[in-house]
Protein backbone atom coordinates (compact mmCIF):
# COMPACT_ATOMS: atom_id res chain seq x y z
CA MET A 1 6.43 21.87 1.29
CA SER A 2 7.63 19.07 -0.69
CA ASP A 3 9.83 18.30 -3.45
CA THR A 4 8.39 15.30 -4.41
CA LYS A 5 8.00 14.53 -7.49
CA PRO A 6 4.21 13.81 -8.17
CA PHE A 7 3.50 9.86 -9.21
CA LEU A 8 3.08 9.29 -12.56
CA LEU A 9 1.65 5.73 -13.80
CA THR A 10 2.66 6.79 -17.03
CA ALA A 11 6.35 6.87 -16.02
CA ALA A 12 5.91 4.07 -12.95
CA LEU A 13 7.91 0.74 -13.97
CA ASP A 14 6.80 -3.14 -13.19
CA ALA A 15 8.35 -4.27 -9.79
CA LEU A 16 7.99 -8.45 -10.97
CA PRO A 17 9.91 -9.17 -13.95
CA LYS A 18 7.48 -10.93 -16.51
CA GLY A 19 6.15 -14.83 -16.01
CA ALA A 20 7.10 -14.33 -11.77
CA VAL A 21 5.20 -17.41 -9.93
CA GLY A 22 4.45 -17.05 -5.63
CA ASP A 23 4.12 -14.88 -3.02
CA PHE A 24 5.84 -11.16 -3.04
CA LEU A 25 6.63 -9.08 -0.02
CA MET A 26 7.38 -5.79 -0.60
CA PRO A 27 10.32 -3.50 1.84
CA LEU A 28 9.12 -1.93 4.39
CA CYS A 29 7.34 1.49 4.11
CA LYS A 30 6.97 5.14 5.12
CA SER A 31 3.12 6.31 6.07
CA ASP A 32 3.24 8.77 4.14
CA VAL A 33 0.58 6.98 1.55
CA GLY A 34 -0.75 8.51 -0.54
CA LEU A 35 -4.01 7.61 -2.64
CA MET A 36 -5.31 7.94 -6.73
CA MET A 37 -8.47 7.32 -7.67
CA GLY A 38 -9.96 6.71 -10.76
CA LEU A 39 -13.42 6.30 -12.31
CA ASP A 40 -12.66 2.30 -11.90
CA LEU A 41 -8.98 2.05 -9.79
CA ALA A 42 -7.14 3.32 -7.60
CA VAL A 43 -3.75 3.53 -7.03
CA ALA A 44 -2.53 2.94 -3.11
CA VAL A 45 1.06 5.49 -3.20
CA LEU A 46 3.65 3.82 -0.89
CA THR A 47 7.29 4.87 -0.07
CA THR A 48 9.53 2.54 0.95
CA ILE A 49 12.39 2.96 3.35
CA GLU A 50 14.85 3.52 0.56
CA GLY A 51 12.99 5.90 -0.68
CA GLN A 52 11.25 4.50 -3.83
CA ARG A 53 7.33 5.03 -4.62
CA VAL A 54 5.72 1.59 -4.97
CA GLY A 55 1.79 1.94 -6.62
CA VAL A 56 -0.94 -1.02 -5.75
CA PRO A 57 -3.55 -0.77 -7.72
CA LEU A 58 -7.11 -1.86 -6.41
CA THR A 59 -10.31 -2.04 -7.63
CA LEU A 60 -12.71 0.22 -5.96
CA GLU A 61 -15.11 -2.60 -4.05
CA SER A 62 -11.58 -3.71 -2.94
CA ILE A 63 -11.30 -0.67 -0.75
CA PRO A 64 -13.96 -1.43 1.90
CA SER A 65 -11.76 -4.72 2.26
CA LEU A 66 -8.61 -3.85 2.97
CA ARG A 67 -9.95 -1.04 4.94
CA THR A 68 -11.42 -3.67 7.20
CA LEU A 69 -8.30 -5.16 6.89
CA LEU A 70 -5.91 -2.89 7.77
CA THR A 71 -8.67 -1.59 11.23
CA GLU A 72 -8.10 -4.82 12.99
CA ALA A 73 -4.36 -5.31 11.66
CA LEU A 74 -4.74 -2.08 13.72
CA ARG A 75 -6.61 -3.04 16.20
CA MET A 76 -4.49 -6.42 16.98
CA LEU A 77 -1.05 -4.84 17.20
CA GLN A 78 -2.35 -2.38 20.12
CA ALA A 79 -3.76 -5.23 22.05
CA PRO A 80 -1.06 -5.26 24.90
CA GLU A 81 1.51 -7.70 25.17
CA GLY A 82 0.16 -11.42 25.72
CA GLY A 83 -2.87 -9.94 26.38
CA SER A 84 -6.27 -10.22 24.43
CA VAL A 85 -7.96 -7.59 22.22
CA GLN A 86 -11.39 -6.67 22.08
């Protein structure tokens, strides 16, 4: 069993400074992804390699699109070096 405290949305801090503009890249994350579901919102909870947890809010409509995107990314990553994907 894990000693990790639950991810609390009410206690989470904003990762980006107010007024931040542009694109941002999160730190590399481990494979232990959690998902919190609400009525109108889902939050993917990722753990960085530094041990910090990051919550990524998603609308329920965006989850199927994210699944399609990740499926395609996995398919491309599993292609042989210099080979094509089917």
